Amino acid sequence: MPQYAALIYVEDLDRTTDRQSEETKLYAEFGAENAAAIRGGAALYPTSTATTVRVRGGRGGDVVTSDGPYAETKEVLGGFFLLEAADLDEATALAARIPGAWGPGGVELRPVIPMHTSNA
């Protein structure tokens, strides 16, 4: 069954300070009610904790890091769910239940390209 990344764009806030907020409870409800379709996911720390990594000159080149995200935006990637759904219509119905879709941000759905790796 296809998988979709549900990328949640929200206001850039530190959500670690209030783990009992109404928003946190809504996300917990979404997770419980849709557990059969959720294959993974996580909330992200604010962009102030981000590090951007670039390699100058291609593979094997100089590694350059900078603090923060690459671009400033009003809404930031605040978290994601990896959803399994029969098709885009089903994934869209799931994404509409994610609390981040209800505010000024939104939820971006992207089909996932399976990457098969071997640990051998």
N, C-alpha and C. Protein backbone atom coordinates (compact mmCIF):
# COMPACT_ATOMS: atom_id res chain seq x y z
N MET A 1 0.86 -1.17 0.00
CA MET A 1 0.00 0.00 0.00
C MET A 1 0.90 1.24 0.00
N PRO A 2 0.54 2.26 -0.77
CA PRO A 2 1.38 3.47 -0.85
C PRO A 2 1.50 4.17 0.51
N GLN A 3 2.62 4.88 0.66
CA GLN A 3 2.83 5.69 1.85
C GLN A 3 2.95 7.15 1.43
N TYR A 4 2.52 8.02 2.34
CA TYR A 4 2.54 9.46 2.10
C TYR A 4 3.16 10.15 3.29
N ALA A 5 4.07 11.09 3.03
CA ALA A 5 4.59 11.94 4.08
C ALA A 5 3.62 13.10 4.25
N ALA A 6 3.10 13.27 5.45
CA ALA A 6 2.22 14.39 5.78
C ALA A 6 3.08 15.40 6.52
N LEU A 7 3.54 16.43 5.80
CA LEU A 7 4.45 17.43 6.36
C LEU A 7 3.61 18.56 6.95
N ILE A 8 3.76 18.78 8.24
CA ILE A 8 2.90 19.69 8.98
C ILE A 8 3.59 21.05 9.12
N TYR A 9 3.02 22.07 8.49
CA TYR A 9 3.56 23.43 8.55
C TYR A 9 2.75 24.25 9.54
N VAL A 10 3.44 24.76 10.55
CA VAL A 10 2.80 25.49 11.64
C VAL A 10 3.65 26.69 12.02
N GLU A 11 3.15 27.49 12.95
CA GLU A 11 3.89 28.61 13.51
C GLU A 11 5.15 28.08 14.20
N ASP A 12 6.25 28.82 14.12
CA ASP A 12 7.53 28.38 14.68
C ASP A 12 7.57 28.63 16.19
N LEU A 13 7.07 27.67 16.96
CA LEU A 13 7.03 27.79 18.42
C LEU A 13 7.78 26.64 19.06
N ASP A 14 8.21 26.84 20.31
CA ASP A 14 8.82 25.77 21.08
C ASP A 14 7.71 24.98 21.77
N ARG A 15 7.38 23.85 21.20
CA ARG A 15 6.29 23.03 21.72
C ARG A 15 6.74 22.08 22.82
N THR A 16 7.99 22.14 23.22
CA THR A 16 8.48 21.27 24.30
C THR A 16 8.13 21.82 25.67
N THR A 17 7.76 23.08 25.76
CA THR A 17 7.53 23.70 27.06
C THR A 17 6.17 23.36 27.66
N ASP A 18 5.19 23.05 26.84
CA ASP A 18 3.85 22.78 27.36
C ASP A 18 3.31 21.49 26.75
N ARG A 19 3.73 20.37 27.32
CA ARG A 19 3.34 19.07 26.77
C ARG A 19 1.89 18.70 27.10
N GLN A 20 1.21 19.51 27.90
CA GLN A 20 -0.18 19.23 28.26
C GLN A 20 -1.14 20.19 27.57
N SER A 21 -0.67 20.90 26.55
CA SER A 21 -1.52 21.88 25.89
C SER A 21 -2.68 21.20 25.15
N GLU A 22 -3.67 21.99 24.83
CA GLU A 22 -4.81 21.48 24.06
C GLU A 22 -4.35 20.94 22.71
N GLU A 23 -3.41 21.64 22.07
CA GLU A 23 -2.89 21.20 20.78
C GLU A 23 -2.24 19.82 20.90
N THR A 24 -1.45 19.61 21.94
CA THR A 24 -0.80 18.32 22.16
C THR A 24 -1.84 17.23 22.34
N LYS A 25 -2.89 17.53 23.06
CA LYS A 25 -3.97 16.56 23.26
C LYS A 25 -4.66 16.21 21.93
N LEU A 26 -4.85 17.21 21.08
CA LEU A 26 -5.47 16.96 19.78
C LEU A 26 -4.60 16.05 18.91
N TYR A 27 -3.29 16.26 18.95
CA TYR A 27 -2.39 15.39 18.19
C TYR A 27 -2.40 13.97 18.76
N ALA A 28 -2.47 13.84 20.07
CA ALA A 28 -2.55 12.51 20.68
C ALA A 28 -3.83 11.80 20.25
N GLU A 29 -4.94 12.54 20.19
CA GLU A 29 -6.21 11.97 19.74
C GLU A 29 -6.10 11.52 18.28
N PHE A 30 -5.50 12.36 17.43
CA PHE A 30 -5.32 11.97 16.03
C PHE A 30 -4.51 10.68 15.94
N GLY A 31 -3.42 10.60 16.71
CA GLY A 31 -2.58 9.41 16.69
C GLY A 31 -3.34 8.17 17.13
N ALA A 32 -4.12 8.28 18.18
CA ALA A 32 -4.87 7.13 18.68
C ALA A 32 -5.96 6.70 17.70
N GLU A 33 -6.67 7.66 17.14
CA GLU A 33 -7.78 7.35 16.24
C GLU A 33 -7.33 6.83 14.88
N ASN A 34 -6.09 7.13 14.48
CA ASN A 34 -5.61 6.77 13.14
C ASN A 34 -4.36 5.90 13.18
N ALA A 35 -4.15 5.22 14.29
CA ALA A 35 -2.94 4.40 14.48
C ALA A 35 -2.75 3.37 13.38
N ALA A 36 -3.82 2.83 12.84
CA ALA A 36 -3.70 1.79 11.81
C ALA A 36 -3.03 2.31 10.54
N ALA A 37 -3.11 3.62 10.28
CA ALA A 37 -2.54 4.19 9.06
C ALA A 37 -1.20 4.88 9.29
N ILE A 38 -0.82 5.08 10.54
CA ILE A 38 0.41 5.82 10.86
C ILE A 38 1.59 4.85 10.94
N ARG A 39 2.61 5.10 10.13
CA ARG A 39 3.81 4.26 10.12
C ARG A 39 4.99 4.92 10.82
N GLY A 40 4.84 6.17 11.18
CA GLY A 40 5.91 6.89 11.87
C GLY A 40 5.57 8.36 11.94
N GLY A 41 6.46 9.11 12.55
CA GLY A 41 6.26 10.55 12.63
C GLY A 41 6.92 11.11 13.87
N ALA A 42 7.00 12.43 13.90
CA ALA A 42 7.61 13.11 15.03
C ALA A 42 7.33 14.59 14.95
N ALA A 43 7.32 15.23 16.11
CA ALA A 43 7.32 16.69 16.17
C ALA A 43 8.77 17.13 16.10
N LEU A 44 9.00 18.34 15.63
CA LEU A 44 10.36 18.86 15.50
C LEU A 44 10.56 20.03 16.44
N TYR A 45 11.79 20.16 16.94
CA TYR A 45 12.15 21.33 17.74
C TYR A 45 12.08 22.57 16.85
N PRO A 46 12.00 23.78 17.43
CA PRO A 46 11.90 25.01 16.62
C PRO A 46 13.11 25.20 15.70
N THR A 47 12.94 26.05 14.70
CA THR A 47 14.01 26.28 13.73
C THR A 47 15.27 26.86 14.36
N SER A 48 15.15 27.47 15.53
CA SER A 48 16.34 28.01 16.20
C SER A 48 17.33 26.91 16.56
N THR A 49 16.89 25.66 16.56
CA THR A 49 17.78 24.53 16.87
C THR A 49 18.34 23.87 15.61
N ALA A 50 17.92 24.35 14.44
CA ALA A 50 18.31 23.70 13.18
C ALA A 50 19.75 24.01 12.80
N THR A 51 20.34 23.07 12.09
CA THR A 51 21.64 23.25 11.46
C THR A 51 21.49 22.84 10.00
N THR A 52 21.89 23.71 9.09
CA THR A 52 21.85 23.40 7.67
C THR A 52 23.23 22.92 7.25
N VAL A 53 23.28 21.80 6.54
CA VAL A 53 24.54 21.19 6.10
C VAL A 53 24.59 21.25 4.57
N ARG A 54 25.71 21.73 4.06
CA ARG A 54 25.96 21.75 2.61
C ARG A 54 27.36 21.20 2.36
N VAL A 55 27.54 20.58 1.21
CA VAL A 55 28.86 20.11 0.80
C VAL A 55 29.25 20.89 -0.44
N ARG A 56 30.25 21.73 -0.30
CA ARG A 56 30.73 22.55 -1.42
C ARG A 56 31.62 21.69 -2.32
N GLY A 57 31.35 21.75 -3.62
CA GLY A 57 32.18 21.00 -4.56
C GLY A 57 31.71 19.57 -4.75
N GLY A 58 30.52 19.23 -4.28
CA GLY A 58 29.99 17.88 -4.50
C GLY A 58 30.51 16.87 -3.49
N ARG A 59 30.19 15.62 -3.74
CA ARG A 59 30.57 14.53 -2.84
C ARG A 59 32.05 14.57 -2.50
N GLY A 60 32.34 14.49 -1.20
CA GLY A 60 33.73 14.53 -0.76
C GLY A 60 34.28 15.93 -0.60
N GLY A 61 33.48 16.95 -0.90
CA GLY A 61 33.94 18.33 -0.80
C GLY A 61 33.92 18.84 0.63
N ASP A 62 34.09 20.13 0.76
CA ASP A 62 34.11 20.77 2.07
C ASP A 62 32.70 20.79 2.67
N VAL A 63 32.59 20.36 3.93
CA VAL A 63 31.32 20.39 4.64
C VAL A 63 31.19 21.75 5.31
N VAL A 64 30.09 22.44 5.01
CA VAL A 64 29.84 23.76 5.57
C VAL A 64 28.51 23.70 6.31
N THR A 65 28.50 24.18 7.56
CA THR A 65 27.25 24.19 8.33
C THR A 65 26.90 25.63 8.68
N SER A 66 25.60 25.86 8.85
CA SER A 66 25.14 27.16 9.31
C SER A 66 23.98 26.94 10.27
N ASP A 67 23.85 27.86 11.22
CA ASP A 67 22.77 27.76 12.19
C ASP A 67 21.45 28.12 11.52
N GLY A 68 20.41 27.41 11.91
CA GLY A 68 19.06 27.75 11.48
C GLY A 68 18.69 27.15 10.14
N PRO A 69 17.47 27.44 9.73
CA PRO A 69 16.96 26.90 8.46
C PRO A 69 17.53 27.66 7.28
N TYR A 70 17.35 27.11 6.11
CA TYR A 70 17.85 27.73 4.88
C TYR A 70 17.09 29.00 4.54
N ALA A 71 15.77 28.98 4.71
CA ALA A 71 14.96 30.14 4.33
C ALA A 71 14.03 30.54 5.47
N GLU A 72 13.77 31.81 5.59
CA GLU A 72 12.80 32.28 6.58
C GLU A 72 11.41 32.23 5.99
N THR A 73 10.49 31.67 6.75
CA THR A 73 9.10 31.62 6.32
C THR A 73 8.22 31.88 7.53
N LYS A 74 6.98 32.20 7.30
CA LYS A 74 6.05 32.43 8.40
C LYS A 74 5.68 31.11 9.07
N GLU A 75 5.41 30.08 8.27
CA GLU A 75 5.14 28.75 8.80
C GLU A 75 6.36 27.88 8.52
N VAL A 76 6.64 26.98 9.45
CA VAL A 76 7.81 26.11 9.33
C VAL A 76 7.37 24.65 9.44
N LEU A 77 8.23 23.77 9.00
CA LEU A 77 7.98 22.35 9.16
C LEU A 77 8.08 22.02 10.64
N GLY A 78 6.94 21.74 11.26
CA GLY A 78 6.89 21.51 12.70
C GLY A 78 6.85 20.04 13.06
N GLY A 79 6.60 19.19 12.09
CA GLY A 79 6.54 17.76 12.34
C GLY A 79 6.01 17.04 11.13
N PHE A 80 5.87 15.73 11.26
CA PHE A 80 5.39 14.94 10.13
C PHE A 80 4.80 13.64 10.63
N PHE A 81 3.96 13.06 9.80
CA PHE A 81 3.48 11.70 9.96
C PHE A 81 3.81 10.95 8.69
N LEU A 82 4.14 9.70 8.80
CA LEU A 82 4.26 8.82 7.65
C LEU A 82 2.98 7.99 7.64
N LEU A 83 2.15 8.22 6.63
CA LEU A 83 0.84 7.60 6.56
C LEU A 83 0.81 6.52 5.48
N GLU A 84 0.08 5.47 5.74
CA GLU A 84 -0.15 4.45 4.73
C GLU A 84 -1.61 4.55 4.32
N ALA A 85 -1.87 4.71 3.04
CA ALA A 85 -3.23 4.90 2.54
C ALA A 85 -3.35 4.23 1.17
N ALA A 86 -4.55 3.85 0.82
CA ALA A 86 -4.80 3.17 -0.46
C ALA A 86 -4.49 4.07 -1.65
N ASP A 87 -4.77 5.38 -1.48
CA ASP A 87 -4.55 6.32 -2.58
C ASP A 87 -4.52 7.74 -2.01
N LEU A 88 -4.34 8.71 -2.90
CA LEU A 88 -4.25 10.10 -2.46
C LEU A 88 -5.54 10.58 -1.80
N ASP A 89 -6.68 10.12 -2.28
CA ASP A 89 -7.95 10.53 -1.67
C ASP A 89 -8.01 10.09 -0.20
N GLU A 90 -7.60 8.87 0.07
CA GLU A 90 -7.60 8.38 1.46
C GLU A 90 -6.57 9.13 2.30
N ALA A 91 -5.40 9.41 1.72
CA ALA A 91 -4.36 10.17 2.44
C ALA A 91 -4.84 11.59 2.72
N THR A 92 -5.57 12.18 1.79
CA THR A 92 -6.10 13.53 1.98
C THR A 92 -7.12 13.55 3.12
N ALA A 93 -7.97 12.53 3.18
CA ALA A 93 -8.95 12.45 4.27
C ALA A 93 -8.25 12.32 5.62
N LEU A 94 -7.16 11.56 5.67
CA LEU A 94 -6.38 11.45 6.92
C LEU A 94 -5.74 12.79 7.26
N ALA A 95 -5.12 13.43 6.29
CA ALA A 95 -4.42 14.70 6.52
C ALA A 95 -5.37 15.77 7.02
N ALA A 96 -6.62 15.73 6.59
CA ALA A 96 -7.60 16.72 7.02
C ALA A 96 -7.93 16.58 8.51
N ARG A 97 -7.59 15.45 9.11
CA ARG A 97 -7.83 15.22 10.54
C ARG A 97 -6.64 15.67 11.40
N ILE A 98 -5.51 16.00 10.78
CA ILE A 98 -4.32 16.42 11.52
C ILE A 98 -4.53 17.86 12.00
N PRO A 99 -4.38 18.14 13.29
CA PRO A 99 -4.64 19.50 13.81
C PRO A 99 -3.91 20.61 13.05
N GLY A 100 -2.73 20.36 12.53
CA GLY A 100 -2.00 21.39 11.79
C GLY A 100 -2.70 21.86 10.53
N ALA A 101 -3.64 21.07 10.02
CA ALA A 101 -4.38 21.44 8.82
C ALA A 101 -5.48 22.45 9.13
N TRP A 102 -5.79 22.65 10.39
CA TRP A 102 -6.92 23.49 10.78
C TRP A 102 -6.56 24.95 10.97
N GLY A 103 -5.29 25.29 10.99
CA GLY A 103 -4.88 26.67 11.28
C GLY A 103 -4.34 27.36 10.06
N PRO A 104 -3.52 28.38 10.30
CA PRO A 104 -2.99 29.17 9.19
C PRO A 104 -1.94 28.42 8.37
N GLY A 105 -1.35 27.37 8.90
CA GLY A 105 -0.33 26.61 8.18
C GLY A 105 -0.98 25.66 7.20
N GLY A 106 -0.72 24.40 7.35
CA GLY A 106 -1.31 23.39 6.48
C GLY A 106 -0.52 22.11 6.55
N VAL A 107 -1.02 21.10 5.87
CA VAL A 107 -0.36 19.80 5.80
C VAL A 107 -0.09 19.50 4.33
N GLU A 108 1.17 19.35 3.99
CA GLU A 108 1.56 19.00 2.63
C GLU A 108 1.69 17.48 2.54
N LEU A 109 1.04 16.88 1.56
CA LEU A 109 1.15 15.44 1.34
C LEU A 109 2.11 15.18 0.19
N ARG A 110 3.02 14.23 0.40
CA ARG A 110 3.92 13.82 -0.67
C ARG A 110 3.99 12.30 -0.71
N PRO A 111 3.81 11.70 -1.89
CA PRO A 111 4.01 10.25 -1.98
C PRO A 111 5.47 9.93 -1.65
N VAL A 112 5.66 8.81 -0.98
CA VAL A 112 6.99 8.38 -0.57
C VAL A 112 7.55 7.41 -1.61
N ILE A 113 8.78 7.62 -2.02
CA ILE A 113 9.47 6.69 -2.92
C ILE A 113 10.16 5.65 -2.05
N PRO A 114 9.77 4.39 -2.16
CA PRO A 114 10.43 3.36 -1.34
C PRO A 114 11.91 3.28 -1.65
N MET A 115 12.72 3.32 -0.61
CA MET A 115 14.17 3.21 -0.75
C MET A 115 14.59 1.94 -0.05
N HIS A 116 14.89 0.93 -0.81
CA HIS A 116 15.27 -0.34 -0.22
C HIS A 116 16.76 -0.35 0.03
N THR A 117 17.12 -0.57 1.27
CA THR A 117 18.53 -0.63 1.63
C THR A 117 18.83 -1.97 2.26
N SER A 118 20.08 -2.33 2.23
CA SER A 118 20.51 -3.59 2.82
C SER A 118 21.51 -3.29 3.91
N ASN A 119 21.38 -3.98 5.02
CA ASN A 119 22.33 -3.82 6.11
C ASN A 119 23.46 -4.82 6.03
N ALA A 120 23.56 -5.52 4.93
CA ALA A 120 24.60 -6.56 4.78
C ALA A 120 25.93 -5.96 4.43
